[in-house]
C-alpha cells in the first residue's frame, strides 16, 4: 500500500477524486492541517465490506436467539411442506 500526504484544503476540494484513486490504486492518505497529521484515509476492500455486513447480520441473529425469536428445524420443515 502506498501512503501519500495531502493538505486538508486539497482533500476537501478533491475528495471524490481521492476516494476513487485510493480504491483503484490501493493508496492510503494522511491528511494534514498546518503540516500536522489529523486523519488517515484508507481503502476498504470488498472482503472487509462484506464482513462488516455479515457481522451485523450475525449480531442480529444472536440477539434473536437470546430473545427466543427463532424456529426449530421441525417448524421450518413443516412450513415448507416437507413433513
N, C-alpha and C. Protein backbone atom coordinates (compact mmCIF):
# COMPACT_ATOMS: atom_id res chain seq x y z
N UNK A 1 0.84 -1.17 0.00
CA UNK A 1 0.00 0.00 0.00
C UNK A 1 0.88 1.24 0.00
N UNK A 2 0.52 2.21 -0.82
CA UNK A 2 1.25 3.47 -0.91
C UNK A 2 0.60 4.48 0.03
N UNK A 3 1.43 5.27 0.71
CA UNK A 3 0.93 6.32 1.60
C UNK A 3 1.31 7.67 1.01
N UNK A 4 0.33 8.57 0.91
CA UNK A 4 0.58 9.92 0.42
C UNK A 4 0.06 10.93 1.42
N UNK A 5 0.74 12.07 1.49
CA UNK A 5 0.33 13.15 2.37
C UNK A 5 -0.35 14.23 1.54
N UNK A 6 -1.51 14.72 2.04
CA UNK A 6 -2.22 15.79 1.33
C UNK A 6 -2.75 16.80 2.35
N UNK A 7 -2.89 18.02 1.90
CA UNK A 7 -3.43 19.06 2.77
C UNK A 7 -4.94 18.96 2.90
N UNK A 8 -5.47 19.48 4.00
CA UNK A 8 -6.91 19.43 4.27
C UNK A 8 -7.70 20.16 3.19
N UNK A 9 -7.24 21.33 2.78
CA UNK A 9 -7.95 22.12 1.77
C UNK A 9 -8.03 21.35 0.46
N UNK A 10 -6.93 20.76 0.04
CA UNK A 10 -6.89 19.97 -1.18
C UNK A 10 -7.80 18.75 -1.06
N UNK A 11 -7.78 18.10 0.10
CA UNK A 11 -8.62 16.93 0.32
C UNK A 11 -10.10 17.28 0.21
N UNK A 12 -10.50 18.40 0.84
CA UNK A 12 -11.90 18.82 0.76
C UNK A 12 -12.33 19.11 -0.67
N UNK A 13 -11.47 19.79 -1.41
CA UNK A 13 -11.80 20.16 -2.80
C UNK A 13 -11.90 18.94 -3.71
N UNK A 14 -11.06 17.96 -3.49
CA UNK A 14 -10.93 16.82 -4.41
C UNK A 14 -11.26 15.47 -3.76
N UNK A 15 -12.16 15.47 -2.82
CA UNK A 15 -12.48 14.25 -2.07
C UNK A 15 -12.91 13.11 -2.99
N UNK A 16 -13.75 13.39 -3.98
CA UNK A 16 -14.22 12.33 -4.88
C UNK A 16 -13.05 11.73 -5.66
N UNK A 17 -12.16 12.59 -6.14
CA UNK A 17 -11.00 12.13 -6.90
C UNK A 17 -10.12 11.23 -6.02
N UNK A 18 -9.86 11.67 -4.81
CA UNK A 18 -9.01 10.88 -3.91
C UNK A 18 -9.67 9.55 -3.53
N UNK A 19 -10.98 9.56 -3.35
CA UNK A 19 -11.64 8.30 -2.98
C UNK A 19 -11.57 7.29 -4.11
N UNK A 20 -11.69 7.75 -5.36
CA UNK A 20 -11.55 6.83 -6.50
C UNK A 20 -10.13 6.29 -6.58
N UNK A 21 -9.14 7.18 -6.42
CA UNK A 21 -7.74 6.76 -6.52
C UNK A 21 -7.36 5.77 -5.42
N UNK A 22 -7.83 6.03 -4.21
CA UNK A 22 -7.43 5.16 -3.11
C UNK A 22 -7.94 3.75 -3.29
N UNK A 23 -9.13 3.62 -3.86
CA UNK A 23 -9.69 2.28 -4.07
C UNK A 23 -9.01 1.55 -5.22
N UNK A 24 -8.81 2.24 -6.35
CA UNK A 24 -8.25 1.56 -7.52
C UNK A 24 -6.74 1.35 -7.41
N UNK A 25 -6.05 2.25 -6.76
CA UNK A 25 -4.58 2.16 -6.70
C UNK A 25 -4.06 1.71 -5.34
N UNK A 26 -4.97 1.36 -4.41
CA UNK A 26 -4.58 0.92 -3.07
C UNK A 26 -3.68 1.95 -2.39
N UNK A 27 -4.16 3.20 -2.36
CA UNK A 27 -3.41 4.30 -1.76
C UNK A 27 -4.07 4.69 -0.43
N UNK A 28 -3.27 4.95 0.56
CA UNK A 28 -3.73 5.47 1.83
C UNK A 28 -3.26 6.92 1.94
N UNK A 29 -4.12 7.80 2.41
CA UNK A 29 -3.77 9.21 2.52
C UNK A 29 -3.70 9.63 3.99
N UNK A 30 -2.69 10.44 4.29
CA UNK A 30 -2.60 11.11 5.58
C UNK A 30 -2.96 12.57 5.29
N UNK A 31 -4.03 13.03 5.93
CA UNK A 31 -4.48 14.40 5.71
C UNK A 31 -3.86 15.31 6.77
N UNK A 32 -3.28 16.40 6.29
CA UNK A 32 -2.56 17.34 7.17
C UNK A 32 -3.31 18.66 7.29
N UNK A 33 -3.28 19.23 8.47
CA UNK A 33 -3.75 20.60 8.67
C UNK A 33 -2.60 21.36 9.31
N UNK A 34 -2.12 22.35 8.60
CA UNK A 34 -0.94 23.13 9.03
C UNK A 34 0.24 22.20 9.33
N UNK A 35 0.44 21.24 8.41
CA UNK A 35 1.54 20.26 8.48
C UNK A 35 1.47 19.32 9.68
N UNK A 36 0.30 19.20 10.27
CA UNK A 36 0.10 18.26 11.38
C UNK A 36 -0.90 17.20 10.91
N UNK A 37 -0.55 15.93 10.99
CA UNK A 37 -1.48 14.87 10.57
C UNK A 37 -2.74 14.88 11.45
N UNK A 38 -3.90 14.89 10.80
CA UNK A 38 -5.15 14.89 11.57
C UNK A 38 -6.02 13.66 11.29
N UNK A 39 -5.82 13.01 10.15
CA UNK A 39 -6.58 11.78 9.88
C UNK A 39 -5.91 10.96 8.79
N UNK A 40 -6.30 9.70 8.77
CA UNK A 40 -5.82 8.79 7.74
C UNK A 40 -7.03 8.28 6.97
N UNK A 41 -6.93 8.27 5.66
CA UNK A 41 -7.99 7.75 4.80
C UNK A 41 -7.43 6.51 4.11
N UNK A 42 -8.05 5.36 4.40
CA UNK A 42 -7.55 4.11 3.83
C UNK A 42 -8.67 3.40 3.08
N UNK A 43 -8.34 2.63 2.05
CA UNK A 43 -9.37 1.93 1.29
C UNK A 43 -9.96 0.76 2.08
N UNK A 44 -11.24 0.50 1.83
CA UNK A 44 -11.89 -0.67 2.41
C UNK A 44 -12.04 -1.69 1.29
N UNK A 45 -11.51 -2.87 1.50
CA UNK A 45 -11.61 -3.90 0.46
C UNK A 45 -13.04 -4.44 0.40
N UNK A 46 -13.38 -5.05 -0.71
CA UNK A 46 -14.70 -5.66 -0.85
C UNK A 46 -14.90 -6.74 0.19
N UNK A 47 -13.83 -7.45 0.51
CA UNK A 47 -13.90 -8.50 1.52
C UNK A 47 -14.23 -7.92 2.89
N UNK A 48 -13.57 -6.80 3.25
CA UNK A 48 -13.85 -6.14 4.53
C UNK A 48 -15.29 -5.64 4.57
N UNK A 49 -15.75 -5.07 3.46
CA UNK A 49 -17.10 -4.55 3.38
C UNK A 49 -18.13 -5.67 3.56
N UNK A 50 -17.89 -6.80 2.92
CA UNK A 50 -18.79 -7.95 3.05
C UNK A 50 -18.80 -8.45 4.49
N UNK A 51 -17.62 -8.48 5.13
CA UNK A 51 -17.53 -8.94 6.51
C UNK A 51 -18.32 -8.03 7.45
N UNK A 52 -18.23 -6.71 7.22
CA UNK A 52 -18.95 -5.78 8.10
C UNK A 52 -20.46 -6.01 8.01
N UNK A 53 -20.97 -6.25 6.81
CA UNK A 53 -22.39 -6.54 6.65
C UNK A 53 -22.77 -7.86 7.28
N UNK A 54 -21.92 -8.86 7.11
CA UNK A 54 -22.17 -10.17 7.69
C UNK A 54 -22.14 -10.10 9.21
N UNK A 55 -21.22 -9.32 9.76
CA UNK A 55 -21.11 -9.18 11.21
C UNK A 55 -22.41 -8.62 11.79
N UNK A 56 -23.00 -7.62 11.14
CA UNK A 56 -24.26 -7.05 11.61
C UNK A 56 -25.37 -8.10 11.60
N UNK A 57 -25.41 -8.91 10.55
CA UNK A 57 -26.43 -9.95 10.47
C UNK A 57 -26.24 -11.01 11.55
N UNK A 58 -25.00 -11.38 11.82
CA UNK A 58 -24.71 -12.36 12.86
C UNK A 58 -25.11 -11.82 14.23
N UNK A 59 -24.77 -10.55 14.49
CA UNK A 59 -25.14 -9.93 15.77
C UNK A 59 -26.65 -9.92 15.95
N UNK A 60 -27.38 -9.59 14.88
CA UNK A 60 -28.85 -9.57 14.93
C UNK A 60 -29.40 -10.97 15.18
N UNK A 61 -28.84 -11.97 14.52
CA UNK A 61 -29.28 -13.36 14.71
C UNK A 61 -29.03 -13.81 16.15
N UNK A 62 -27.89 -13.45 16.71
CA UNK A 62 -27.58 -13.83 18.10
C UNK A 62 -28.57 -13.16 19.06
N UNK A 63 -28.93 -11.91 18.78
CA UNK A 63 -29.90 -11.20 19.62
C UNK A 63 -31.25 -11.91 19.56
N UNK A 64 -31.66 -12.33 18.36
CA UNK A 64 -32.94 -13.00 18.20
C UNK A 64 -32.97 -14.34 18.94
N UNK A 65 -31.87 -15.09 18.88
CA UNK A 65 -31.80 -16.36 19.59
C UNK A 65 -31.90 -16.14 21.09
N UNK A 66 -31.21 -15.13 21.59
CA UNK A 66 -31.28 -14.80 23.03
C UNK A 66 -32.70 -14.50 23.46
N UNK A 67 -33.45 -13.82 22.59
CA UNK A 67 -34.82 -13.42 22.91
C UNK A 67 -35.84 -14.51 22.56
N UNK A 68 -35.36 -15.67 22.12
CA UNK A 68 -36.25 -16.77 21.79
C UNK A 68 -36.99 -16.59 20.48
N UNK A 69 -36.49 -15.71 19.63
CA UNK A 69 -37.14 -15.43 18.34
C UNK A 69 -36.51 -16.30 17.24
N UNK A 70 -36.87 -17.58 17.23
CA UNK A 70 -36.31 -18.49 16.22
C UNK A 70 -37.29 -19.62 15.95
N UNK A 71 -37.05 -20.37 14.89
CA UNK A 71 -37.86 -21.53 14.52
C UNK A 71 -37.02 -22.79 14.69
N UNK A 72 -37.69 -23.85 15.13
CA UNK A 72 -36.98 -25.13 15.22
C UNK A 72 -36.91 -25.73 13.82
N UNK A 73 -36.06 -26.74 13.66
CA UNK A 73 -35.92 -27.41 12.37
C UNK A 73 -37.25 -28.05 11.95
N UNK A 74 -37.97 -28.61 12.91
CA UNK A 74 -39.26 -29.22 12.60
C UNK A 74 -40.27 -28.18 12.12
N UNK A 75 -40.26 -27.01 12.73
CA UNK A 75 -41.18 -25.94 12.31
C UNK A 75 -40.85 -25.47 10.89
N UNK A 76 -39.58 -25.40 10.55
CA UNK A 76 -39.17 -24.99 9.20
C UNK A 76 -39.60 -26.04 8.18
N UNK A 77 -39.36 -27.31 8.48
CA UNK A 77 -39.76 -28.40 7.57
C UNK A 77 -41.28 -28.38 7.33
N UNK A 78 -42.02 -28.17 8.42
CA UNK A 78 -43.48 -28.15 8.32
C UNK A 78 -43.94 -26.98 7.46
N UNK A 79 -43.34 -25.81 7.66
CA UNK A 79 -43.76 -24.63 6.87
C UNK A 79 -43.42 -24.79 5.40
N UNK A 80 -42.40 -25.58 5.09
CA UNK A 80 -42.01 -25.82 3.70
C UNK A 80 -42.73 -27.03 3.11
N UNK A 81 -43.59 -27.67 3.92
CA UNK A 81 -44.33 -28.84 3.46
C UNK A 81 -43.47 -30.06 3.29
N UNK A 82 -42.43 -30.18 4.07
CA UNK A 82 -41.51 -31.32 3.97
C UNK A 82 -41.77 -32.37 5.03
N UNK A 83 -42.83 -32.21 5.78
CA UNK A 83 -43.12 -33.17 6.86
C UNK A 83 -44.24 -34.05 6.52
